[in-house]
Amino acid sequence: MAKFVLAGRADCPYYAKAELLADYLQKNLPYFRVHKITQSPDNWEEWLADLCIKYEWKHNRSPIIWRELLDRGSKGLLLGGFNDFMEHAQEYYNVTSAMLSDLMKEIAAENMQAHVDLEEEDDNIRQQFNPLHIWITGASMPACYSLIPMLASGDVFGENKDIWLHLLDHSHSQHTLQGLKMEAEDLAYPSLRKVTLYTMTDDAFLQADFVIVLNDALAKEDDCSEAHIIMIKEQCAQYGTSIDKNARKDVKVIVSGSTYANLIALVIIKNAPSINPHNIVALPTQLEFEAKAQIATKLSINSSVIKDVIVWGNISGINHLDLHVAKIYKYESSIWGPSSFSRPLLSMIHDRIWLKNDFVTEWKNRKDHRFGLSAAHSIANALSYWQKDSDTGEIVSLGVLNEGFFNLPDDIVYSLPVQFQNGNWQVCTHLVIQDDAKETLLQAASQLIKEKNIALGISQKGEIISEELKEEVIELENSSKELREESSLLNGENQLNIQTSVEQLG
């Protein structure tokens, strides 16, 4: 079987002449087959150049003709242009072409019109297929396996919305991704229209509506170093640059992970200046779910009825679990109310020793038993909240770029209580930070600033201090000034001692 490919500019007369000759051979020879490719005049040169690079050929005109040798494990045998094809046909099949120039031009015009009509038809089909482009980085991680069915089922974006999954990871993970792609296609969800695989290239995050950055690997002891932070910064800076260049301007980015989640979100924000910072967040909701599960076990209830649990601070480091506004719905007791009736959570937990000791210890150690399912669920939940019809009124935690909320330092991504409404979130600034939590929240801010300074190469000077401490510092500085004035009246050893004290106070 002779299998030939004939490619050329749609308006090329010599392509038309070669096409007529190829059609004649295919009609009259039982073992001759031809596949035809036309390109618009605007795209022809670029397409031909890419083809020649791919197959290591040299050819610079229309048409180009080659014989396929795939059944022999080869890339194909280049014949050349029209003259080469005509010589081949004459030598092997004793057939030649004597088409007149006017006829060649007429057929070329028909080919061009047919090509335009076909492109318009393809454009109409593409316009009807308008999926959500969802990019997942670190797609070989366990969370992705659990996340794909949640996204493809239609529960997150709606059954009538098609999605196109773009799975991105390192080159050494492509074999794993290929298996994941086949499994995703095997699910046969009607919402999942396409799955494509990528490594980090210039066209990463192209047309992205949502970007999910996975990082569920826990840091090892020797990973918690400046070198590890800088490595994360370099990779995520590349993410941010590509998102800024290629993604839709209303793209929403979710960072989920057990290591430096706040920092990753901040680096992406810094490197994607054209994207609204409100659209780039980190997820602490996995920590919420773990706390709710422990409380539900203690009270013998389902964790879904526990609401408004808040995680403050550094998702992957120092943080504070706040239950002061948490509520329980549908709790069995002598007093019942409508579905909107709730009880304060803390009033339902009478074992204060458990709450202060065992509960906190288990909650902090629970991250060692993660296998990706809860991370996937937290991502799906956040995406659901972010839809325009997600006016639930529930308070949830979200790592967001702080803008001075609660008198905490700005320009860091900090986990704060928010509410989603009409496709946006708002920080719950009406909440009050408990006195026993203030020190922990400042420690978390200090830790996040330290991570940011290492990642961005900023020299570290001083520590985060509260407004009260700032006032004390001002008082000390004023006292130092007075002492310096007094010291000018003294001489000798006494003057030296006072100056030393002033320096220590400063």
Protein backbone atom coordinates (compact mmCIF):
# COMPACT_ATOMS: atom_id res chain seq x y z
CA MET A 1 0.00 0.00 0.00
CA ALA A 2 1.43 3.38 -1.10
CA LYS A 3 0.32 6.13 1.31
CA PHE A 4 1.15 9.68 0.22
CA VAL A 5 0.56 13.03 1.95
CA LEU A 6 0.00 16.09 -0.24
CA ALA A 7 0.19 19.46 1.53
CA GLY A 8 0.20 22.98 0.16
CA ARG A 9 -1.14 26.52 0.17
CA ALA A 10 -4.85 26.55 -0.48
CA ASP A 11 -4.42 29.06 -3.37
CA CYS A 12 -1.43 27.35 -4.97
CA PRO A 13 -1.99 26.29 -8.66
CA TYR A 14 0.72 23.62 -8.42
CA TYR A 15 -1.00 22.13 -5.38
CA ALA A 16 -4.18 21.99 -7.51
CA LYS A 17 -2.30 20.20 -10.31
CA ALA A 18 -0.71 17.74 -7.88
CA GLU A 19 -4.10 17.14 -6.26
CA LEU A 20 -5.71 16.25 -9.59
CA LEU A 21 -2.89 13.83 -10.38
CA ALA A 22 -3.12 12.22 -6.94
CA ASP A 23 -6.90 11.83 -7.23
CA TYR A 24 -6.47 10.10 -10.60
CA LEU A 25 -3.90 7.67 -9.17
CA GLN A 26 -6.08 6.89 -6.13
CA LYS A 27 -9.09 6.23 -8.34
CA ASN A 28 -7.30 3.94 -10.76
CA LEU A 29 -4.73 2.17 -8.56
CA PRO A 30 -6.12 -0.12 -5.84
CA TYR A 31 -3.03 0.24 -3.60
CA PHE A 32 -2.53 4.01 -3.85
CA ARG A 33 -3.88 6.30 -1.08
CA VAL A 34 -3.47 10.04 -0.62
CA HIS A 35 -4.14 12.34 2.35
CA LYS A 36 -4.49 16.06 1.54
CA ILE A 37 -3.67 19.03 3.79
CA THR A 38 -4.31 22.66 2.90
CA GLN A 39 -3.09 25.70 4.78
CA SER A 40 -4.13 29.31 4.41
CA PRO A 41 -1.56 31.54 2.68
CA ASP A 42 -0.96 33.39 5.95
CA ASN A 43 -0.05 30.22 7.87
CA TRP A 44 1.71 28.26 5.15
CA GLU A 45 5.33 29.33 5.67
CA GLU A 46 5.23 28.87 9.45
CA TRP A 47 3.50 25.50 9.12
CA LEU A 48 6.04 24.30 6.52
CA ALA A 49 8.97 25.47 8.64
CA ASP A 50 7.65 23.59 11.71
CA LEU A 51 7.10 20.45 9.62
CA CYS A 52 10.62 20.50 8.22
CA ILE A 53 12.11 21.02 11.68
CA LYS A 54 10.08 18.11 13.04
CA TYR A 55 11.13 15.66 10.31
CA GLU A 56 14.54 17.21 9.54
CA TRP A 57 13.60 17.96 5.94
CA LYS A 58 14.62 20.81 3.61
CA HIS A 59 11.78 22.22 1.53
CA ASN A 60 10.61 25.81 0.99
CA ARG A 61 7.75 25.88 -1.52
CA SER A 62 4.19 24.67 -2.13
CA PRO A 63 3.27 21.89 -2.41
CA ILE A 64 5.25 19.42 -0.29
CA ILE A 65 4.68 15.70 -0.85
CA TRP A 66 5.94 12.73 1.14
CA ARG A 67 5.28 9.05 1.42
CA GLU A 68 4.18 7.72 4.82
CA LEU A 69 6.21 4.82 6.20
CA LEU A 70 4.56 4.49 9.61
CA ASP A 71 3.95 0.78 9.16
CA ARG A 72 7.73 0.43 8.83
CA GLY A 73 8.49 2.51 11.91
CA SER A 74 9.82 5.48 9.93
CA LYS A 75 8.96 9.19 9.92
CA GLY A 76 8.23 9.24 6.16
CA LEU A 77 10.07 9.66 2.85
CA LEU A 78 10.15 13.16 1.37
CA LEU A 79 9.50 13.28 -2.39
CA GLY A 80 9.63 17.07 -2.76
CA GLY A 81 7.41 19.41 -4.78
CA PHE A 82 5.06 18.99 -7.76
CA ASN A 83 7.80 18.18 -10.30
CA ASP A 84 9.22 15.47 -8.04
CA PHE A 85 5.76 13.96 -7.56
CA MET A 86 5.06 14.01 -11.32
CA GLU A 87 8.39 12.30 -12.05
CA HIS A 88 7.57 9.65 -9.43
CA ALA A 89 4.13 9.03 -10.97
CA GLN A 90 5.57 8.80 -14.46
CA GLU A 91 8.38 6.44 -13.45
CA TYR A 92 6.36 4.08 -11.26
CA TYR A 93 2.85 4.30 -12.73
CA ASN A 94 3.47 5.64 -16.27
CA VAL A 95 1.01 8.49 -15.59
CA THR A 96 1.62 12.21 -16.22
CA SER A 97 -0.34 15.47 -15.96
CA ALA A 98 -0.99 17.94 -18.76
CA MET A 99 -3.28 20.40 -16.97
CA LEU A 100 -3.48 23.87 -18.57
CA SER A 101 -2.50 26.95 -16.56
CA ASP A 102 -6.03 28.46 -16.64
CA LEU A 103 -7.51 25.25 -15.25
CA MET A 104 -4.83 25.11 -12.56
CA LYS A 105 -5.75 28.64 -11.45
CA GLU A 106 -9.46 27.86 -11.52
CA ILE A 107 -9.05 24.79 -9.33
CA ALA A 108 -6.72 26.74 -7.01
CA ALA A 109 -9.45 29.37 -6.53
CA GLU A 110 -11.97 26.62 -5.74
CA ASN A 111 -9.55 25.08 -3.23
CA MET A 112 -9.07 28.43 -1.55
CA GLN A 113 -12.82 28.98 -1.20
CA ALA A 114 -13.30 25.45 0.11
CA HIS A 115 -10.54 26.05 2.66
CA VAL A 116 -12.17 29.31 3.84
CA ASP A 117 -15.56 27.59 4.16
CA LEU A 118 -14.00 24.76 6.16
CA GLU A 119 -12.25 27.18 8.52
CA GLU A 120 -15.53 29.05 9.11
CA GLU A 121 -17.23 25.76 9.91
CA ASP A 122 -14.46 24.83 12.35
CA ASP A 123 -14.73 28.26 14.00
CA ASN A 124 -18.47 27.76 14.49
CA ILE A 125 -17.84 24.38 16.09
CA ARG A 126 -15.15 25.84 18.36
CA GLN A 127 -17.45 28.67 19.44
CA GLN A 128 -20.08 26.15 20.46
CA PHE A 129 -17.42 24.36 22.55
CA ASN A 130 -16.63 26.98 25.16
CA PRO A 131 -15.31 25.02 28.15
CA LEU A 132 -13.80 26.20 31.40
CA HIS A 133 -10.04 25.80 31.15
CA ILE A 134 -8.83 24.35 34.45
CA TRP A 135 -5.07 24.01 34.96
CA ILE A 136 -3.68 21.82 37.74
CA THR A 137 0.01 22.03 38.65
CA GLY A 138 1.70 19.20 40.50
CA ALA A 139 -0.90 16.98 38.83
CA SER A 140 0.90 13.75 39.71
CA MET A 141 0.21 14.35 43.43
CA PRO A 142 -2.45 12.24 45.18
CA ALA A 143 -4.91 15.11 45.60
CA CYS A 144 -5.34 15.36 41.84
CA TYR A 145 -6.64 11.78 41.61
CA SER A 146 -9.45 12.62 44.02
CA LEU A 147 -10.06 16.10 42.60
CA ILE A 148 -10.69 15.14 38.96
CA PRO A 149 -13.92 13.16 39.62
CA MET A 150 -15.23 16.00 41.78
CA LEU A 151 -14.63 18.53 39.00
CA ALA A 152 -15.86 16.28 36.19
CA SER A 153 -19.07 15.21 37.92
CA GLY A 154 -20.66 18.64 37.43
CA ASP A 155 -21.17 19.23 41.16
CA VAL A 156 -18.73 22.15 41.25
CA PHE A 157 -19.42 24.09 38.05
CA GLY A 158 -22.80 22.66 37.08
CA GLU A 159 -23.71 19.74 34.83
CA ASN A 160 -24.23 21.97 31.79
CA LYS A 161 -20.73 23.48 31.88
CA ASP A 162 -17.99 21.67 29.97
CA ILE A 163 -14.48 21.59 31.42
CA TRP A 164 -11.08 21.11 29.81
CA LEU A 165 -8.44 19.83 32.21
CA HIS A 166 -4.81 20.81 31.66
CA LEU A 167 -2.51 18.69 33.84
CA LEU A 168 0.97 20.13 34.40
CA ASP A 169 3.97 18.55 36.11
CA HIS A 170 7.68 17.80 35.67
CA SER A 171 8.84 15.84 32.64
CA HIS A 172 9.71 12.80 34.77
CA SER A 173 6.02 12.63 35.85
CA GLN A 174 4.60 12.46 32.32
CA HIS A 175 4.21 8.67 32.40
CA THR A 176 2.11 9.02 35.58
CA LEU A 177 0.08 11.81 34.01
CA GLN A 178 -0.56 9.70 30.91
CA GLY A 179 -2.08 7.01 33.11
CA LEU A 180 -4.14 9.63 34.97
CA LYS A 181 -5.39 11.07 31.67
CA MET A 182 -6.58 7.66 30.48
CA GLU A 183 -8.33 7.00 33.79
CA ALA A 184 -10.04 10.40 33.65
CA GLU A 185 -11.27 9.68 30.12
CA ASP A 186 -12.48 6.26 31.26
CA LEU A 187 -14.83 7.96 33.73
CA ALA A 188 -16.96 9.11 30.77
CA TYR A 189 -18.33 12.15 32.58
CA PRO A 190 -20.29 14.28 30.10
CA SER A 191 -18.84 17.51 31.56
CA LEU A 192 -15.24 16.42 30.98
CA ARG A 193 -14.63 17.18 27.32
CA LYS A 194 -10.84 17.08 27.11
CA VAL A 195 -7.67 16.30 29.09
CA THR A 196 -4.22 17.48 27.98
CA LEU A 197 -0.78 17.07 29.54
CA TYR A 198 1.98 19.66 29.90
CA THR A 199 5.38 20.39 31.30
CA MET A 200 6.29 23.99 32.16
CA THR A 201 6.53 25.80 28.81
CA ASP A 202 5.89 29.29 27.47
CA ASP A 203 2.23 28.46 26.73
CA ALA A 204 1.45 27.17 30.24
CA PHE A 205 -1.85 28.43 31.70
CA LEU A 206 -3.09 29.52 28.26
CA GLN A 207 -6.72 30.75 28.49
CA ALA A 208 -6.91 29.54 32.10
CA ASP A 209 -10.16 30.24 33.95
CA PHE A 210 -8.97 28.46 37.10
CA VAL A 211 -5.47 27.48 38.21
CA ILE A 212 -5.04 24.97 41.06
CA VAL A 213 -1.53 24.81 42.50
CA LEU A 214 -1.03 21.52 44.34
CA ASN A 215 1.71 21.03 46.87
CA ASP A 216 0.59 18.27 49.24
CA ALA A 217 4.07 16.98 50.01
CA LEU A 218 5.06 17.67 53.63
CA ALA A 219 8.41 19.37 54.09
CA LYS A 220 11.19 17.30 55.60
CA GLU A 221 13.40 18.70 58.33
CA ASP A 222 16.21 19.42 55.92
CA ASP A 223 13.76 21.11 53.51
CA CYS A 224 12.86 23.90 55.95
CA SER A 225 15.82 25.98 54.87
CA GLU A 226 16.49 29.17 52.97
CA ALA A 227 17.55 27.13 49.93
CA HIS A 228 14.22 25.30 49.90
CA ILE A 229 12.27 28.57 50.18
CA ILE A 230 14.26 30.08 47.31
CA MET A 231 13.64 26.98 45.16
CA ILE A 232 9.88 27.28 45.77
CA LYS A 233 10.05 30.99 45.01
CA GLU A 234 11.76 30.43 41.65
CA GLN A 235 9.23 27.84 40.54
CA CYS A 236 6.19 29.85 41.66
CA ALA A 237 7.57 33.06 40.18
CA GLN A 238 7.55 31.21 36.87
CA TYR A 239 3.93 30.23 37.52
CA GLY A 240 3.02 33.85 38.22
CA THR A 241 4.75 35.18 35.11
CA SER A 242 3.03 32.64 32.86
CA ILE A 243 -0.36 33.24 34.48
CA ASP A 244 0.06 36.97 34.00
CA LYS A 245 0.98 36.46 30.33
CA ASN A 246 -1.36 33.65 29.23
CA ALA A 247 -4.35 33.28 31.55
CA ARG A 248 -7.63 35.15 31.34
CA LYS A 249 -7.53 38.38 33.32
CA ASP A 250 -10.34 37.19 35.60
CA VAL A 251 -8.53 33.90 36.31
CA LYS A 252 -8.88 32.52 39.84
CA VAL A 253 -5.85 30.84 41.42
CA ILE A 254 -6.09 28.45 44.39
CA VAL A 255 -2.98 27.28 46.25
CA SER A 256 -3.45 24.08 48.24
CA GLY A 257 -0.66 22.40 50.11
CA SER A 258 1.06 21.48 53.32
CA THR A 259 4.26 23.47 52.74
CA TYR A 260 4.60 27.25 52.35
CA ALA A 261 1.06 27.69 50.96
CA ASN A 262 0.89 31.36 52.01
CA LEU A 263 4.29 32.11 50.49
CA ILE A 264 3.44 30.38 47.19
CA ALA A 265 0.29 32.50 46.84
CA LEU A 266 2.27 35.68 47.65
CA VAL A 267 4.98 34.92 45.08
CA ILE A 268 2.36 34.30 42.38
CA ILE A 269 0.67 37.60 43.28
CA LYS A 270 3.98 39.47 43.05
CA ASN A 271 4.72 37.99 39.61
CA ALA A 272 1.24 38.43 38.12
CA PRO A 273 0.69 42.20 38.42
CA SER A 274 -2.16 42.32 35.89
CA ILE A 275 -4.25 39.78 37.85
CA ASN A 276 -6.48 41.03 40.68
CA PRO A 277 -4.76 39.94 43.95
CA HIS A 278 -8.21 39.03 45.32
CA ASN A 279 -8.28 36.22 42.74
CA ILE A 280 -5.17 34.50 44.13
CA VAL A 281 -5.73 32.71 47.44
CA ALA A 282 -4.36 29.91 49.61
CA LEU A 283 -6.58 27.26 51.23
CA PRO A 284 -6.59 26.51 54.96
CA THR A 285 -9.99 24.80 54.75
CA GLN A 286 -8.35 21.38 55.05
CA LEU A 287 -7.37 22.43 58.58
CA GLU A 288 -11.00 23.43 59.19
CA PHE A 289 -12.28 20.03 58.04
CA GLU A 290 -9.81 18.22 60.30
CA ALA A 291 -10.92 20.24 63.33
CA LYS A 292 -14.60 19.71 62.53
CA ALA A 293 -14.06 15.95 62.19
CA GLN A 294 -12.51 15.72 65.66
CA ILE A 295 -15.31 17.77 67.24
CA ALA A 296 -17.95 15.74 65.43
CA THR A 297 -16.47 12.52 66.81
CA LYS A 298 -16.46 13.99 70.32
CA LEU A 299 -20.12 15.05 70.09
CA SER A 300 -21.29 12.01 68.05
CA ILE A 301 -22.58 14.16 65.19
CA ASN A 302 -21.83 14.63 61.49
CA SER A 303 -19.17 17.25 60.84
CA SER A 304 -21.27 18.87 58.09
CA VAL A 305 -23.47 20.57 60.74
CA ILE A 306 -20.47 22.44 62.22
CA LYS A 307 -19.99 25.91 60.70
CA ASP A 308 -17.88 29.05 61.10
CA VAL A 309 -14.65 27.44 62.28
CA ILE A 310 -11.77 29.84 61.62
CA VAL A 311 -8.05 29.27 61.05
CA TRP A 312 -5.87 32.37 61.43
CA GLY A 313 -2.28 32.86 60.32
CA ASN A 314 0.19 30.68 58.44
CA ILE A 315 -1.50 27.65 56.88
CA SER A 316 1.76 25.69 56.80
CA GLY A 317 3.26 27.03 60.03
CA ILE A 318 2.14 28.98 63.08
CA ASN A 319 -1.64 29.30 63.12
CA HIS A 320 -4.56 29.63 65.52
CA LEU A 321 -7.81 27.65 65.52
CA ASP A 322 -10.69 29.91 66.56
CA LEU A 323 -13.98 28.34 67.76
CA HIS A 324 -15.50 31.43 69.40
CA VAL A 325 -18.03 32.09 66.61
CA ALA A 326 -18.41 28.44 65.54
CA LYS A 327 -21.95 27.03 65.51
CA ILE A 328 -23.70 23.66 65.44
CA TYR A 329 -26.89 23.13 63.45
CA LYS A 330 -29.44 20.29 63.83
CA TYR A 331 -28.01 19.26 67.19
CA GLU A 332 -30.23 16.79 69.05
CA SER A 333 -31.49 18.32 72.30
CA SER A 334 -34.65 19.26 74.15
CA ILE A 335 -34.82 22.54 72.23
CA TRP A 336 -35.31 22.33 68.46
CA GLY A 337 -35.76 25.02 65.89
CA PRO A 338 -35.92 25.50 62.10
CA SER A 339 -33.02 24.50 59.84
CA SER A 340 -31.47 27.93 60.40
CA PHE A 341 -31.39 27.47 64.19
CA SER A 342 -27.92 26.96 65.64
CA ARG A 343 -26.13 26.71 68.96
CA PRO A 344 -22.71 28.11 69.93
CA LEU A 345 -20.20 25.30 69.55
CA LEU A 346 -18.21 26.02 72.70
CA SER A 347 -21.34 25.82 74.86
CA MET A 348 -21.88 22.26 73.62
CA ILE A 349 -18.39 21.04 74.55
CA HIS A 350 -18.21 20.54 78.32
CA ASP A 351 -14.88 18.70 78.40
CA ARG A 352 -12.60 21.73 78.58
CA ILE A 353 -9.54 19.65 79.42
CA TRP A 354 -9.97 17.69 76.16
CA LEU A 355 -10.51 20.91 74.24
CA LYS A 356 -7.34 22.50 75.60
CA ASN A 357 -5.03 19.46 75.41
CA ASP A 358 -5.92 16.32 73.43
CA PHE A 359 -7.94 18.14 70.80
CA VAL A 360 -5.16 20.61 69.95
CA THR A 361 -2.46 17.92 69.96
CA GLU A 362 -4.40 15.61 67.63
CA TRP A 363 -5.36 18.49 65.35
CA LYS A 364 -1.72 19.51 64.87
CA ASN A 365 -0.65 15.89 64.19
CA ARG A 366 -3.52 15.08 61.84
CA LYS A 367 -1.64 16.46 58.82
CA ASP A 368 0.71 13.46 58.99
CA HIS A 369 -2.14 11.21 57.83
CA ARG A 370 -3.24 13.09 54.71
CA PHE A 371 -3.54 11.20 51.44
CA GLY A 372 -5.08 13.87 49.21
CA LEU A 373 -8.81 13.22 49.58
CA SER A 374 -9.47 16.02 52.10
CA ALA A 375 -7.30 18.44 50.07
CA ALA A 376 -9.34 17.68 46.95
CA HIS A 377 -12.58 18.19 48.88
CA SER A 378 -11.39 21.54 50.24
CA ILE A 379 -10.47 22.71 46.71
CA ALA A 380 -13.85 21.62 45.32
CA ASN A 381 -15.59 23.45 48.17
CA ALA A 382 -13.63 26.65 47.55
CA LEU A 383 -14.43 26.53 43.82
CA SER A 384 -18.11 26.03 44.68
CA TYR A 385 -18.05 29.02 47.05
CA TRP A 386 -16.50 31.11 44.29
CA GLN A 387 -19.48 30.66 41.96
CA LYS A 388 -21.92 33.54 41.65
CA ASP A 389 -24.77 31.61 43.31
CA SER A 390 -22.79 30.66 46.42
CA ASP A 391 -24.43 33.02 48.93
CA THR A 392 -24.24 30.58 51.86
CA GLY A 393 -23.42 33.13 54.57
CA GLU A 394 -20.96 30.70 56.16
CA ILE A 395 -17.70 32.07 57.55
CA VAL A 396 -14.72 30.19 56.13
CA SER A 397 -10.97 30.66 56.31
CA LEU A 398 -8.99 31.88 53.31
CA GLY A 399 -5.35 32.83 52.81
CA VAL A 400 -5.56 36.30 51.24
CA LEU A 401 -3.27 39.26 50.69
CA ASN A 402 -3.71 41.20 53.91
CA GLU A 403 -4.54 44.88 53.50
CA GLY A 404 -4.12 45.88 57.15
CA PHE A 405 -7.13 43.92 58.43
CA PHE A 406 -7.26 43.43 62.22
CA ASN A 407 -4.13 45.64 62.61
CA LEU A 408 -2.02 42.79 61.25
CA PRO A 409 0.92 43.53 58.90
CA ASP A 410 0.01 44.01 55.26
CA ASP A 411 1.69 42.67 52.11
CA ILE A 412 1.64 39.07 53.34
CA VAL A 413 -0.83 36.31 52.52
CA TYR A 414 -2.56 35.60 55.83
CA SER A 415 -5.39 33.20 56.67
CA LEU A 416 -8.43 35.28 57.66
CA PRO A 417 -12.19 34.73 58.12
CA VAL A 418 -14.15 35.56 54.95
CA GLN A 419 -17.62 35.18 53.49
CA PHE A 420 -18.34 34.43 49.83
CA GLN A 421 -21.14 36.26 48.06
CA ASN A 422 -21.96 36.85 44.37
CA GLY A 423 -18.71 35.31 43.18
CA ASN A 424 -16.50 37.36 45.52
CA TRP A 425 -15.24 37.17 49.09
CA GLN A 426 -15.14 39.75 51.83
CA VAL A 427 -13.08 39.71 55.04
CA CYS A 428 -15.28 39.51 58.15
CA THR A 429 -13.83 42.62 59.77
CA HIS A 430 -16.65 42.72 62.36
CA LEU A 431 -15.13 39.76 64.23
CA VAL A 432 -13.07 40.37 67.35
CA ILE A 433 -9.72 38.69 67.98
CA GLN A 434 -9.63 37.10 71.42
CA ASP A 435 -6.92 38.39 73.77
CA ASP A 436 -5.38 34.94 74.20
CA ALA A 437 -4.91 34.65 70.43
CA LYS A 438 -3.20 37.98 69.71
CA GLU A 439 0.32 36.81 70.51
CA THR A 440 -0.03 33.72 68.29
CA LEU A 441 -1.38 35.83 65.42
CA LEU A 442 1.61 38.19 65.67
CA GLN A 443 4.00 35.23 65.76
CA ALA A 444 2.37 33.87 62.59
CA ALA A 445 2.77 37.26 60.91
CA SER A 446 6.42 37.40 61.94
CA GLN A 447 7.00 33.92 60.51
CA LEU A 448 5.33 34.86 57.21
CA ILE A 449 7.38 38.05 56.94
CA LYS A 450 10.55 36.05 57.52
CA GLU A 451 9.59 33.62 54.72
CA LYS A 452 8.76 36.54 52.42
CA ASN A 453 12.06 38.28 53.14
CA ILE A 454 14.04 35.12 52.40
CA ALA A 455 12.12 34.49 49.17
CA LEU A 456 12.34 38.07 47.94
CA GLY A 457 15.89 38.65 49.15
CA ILE A 458 14.98 41.36 51.65
CA SER A 459 17.34 41.85 54.58
CA GLN A 460 15.55 41.16 57.84
CA LYS A 461 15.53 43.88 60.45
CA GLY A 462 13.37 43.85 63.56
CA GLU A 463 10.28 41.84 64.42
CA ILE A 464 6.53 42.36 64.13
CA ILE A 465 5.21 44.12 67.18
CA SER A 466 1.71 45.12 68.29
CA GLU A 467 0.42 48.69 68.55
CA GLU A 468 0.79 48.53 72.34
CA LEU A 469 4.43 47.49 72.00
CA LYS A 470 5.01 50.29 69.49
CA GLU A 471 3.76 52.82 72.06
CA GLU A 472 6.13 51.35 74.65
CA VAL A 473 9.01 51.67 72.18
CA ILE A 474 8.13 55.34 71.60
CA GLU A 475 8.10 55.96 75.36
CA LEU A 476 11.49 54.30 75.68
CA GLU A 477 12.86 56.46 72.86
CA ASN A 478 11.55 59.61 74.60
CA SER A 479 13.14 58.49 77.87
CA SER A 480 16.40 57.88 76.03
CA LYS A 481 16.31 61.39 74.62
CA GLU A 482 15.85 62.88 78.09
CA LEU A 483 18.70 60.78 79.45
CA ARG A 484 20.96 61.90 76.61
CA GLU A 485 20.24 65.55 77.47
CA GLU A 486 21.01 64.89 81.12
CA SER A 487 24.16 63.02 80.20
CA SER A 488 25.58 66.08 78.52
CA LEU A 489 25.79 67.71 81.97
CA LEU A 490 27.83 64.91 83.45
CA ASN A 491 31.47 64.06 83.02
CA GLY A 492 33.79 61.09 83.27
CA GLU A 493 32.65 57.66 84.29
CA ASN A 494 29.06 58.63 85.21
CA GLN A 495 28.49 60.09 81.72
CA LEU A 496 29.82 56.89 80.11
CA ASN A 497 27.50 54.70 82.24
CA ILE A 498 24.43 56.75 81.29
CA GLN A 499 25.33 56.64 77.60
CA THR A 500 25.63 52.87 77.85
CA SER A 501 22.15 52.69 79.42
CA VAL A 502 20.71 54.89 76.70
CA GLU A 503 22.13 52.66 73.99
CA GLN A 504 20.67 49.58 75.67
CA LEU A 505 17.24 51.23 75.92
CA GLY A 506 17.43 52.23 72.21
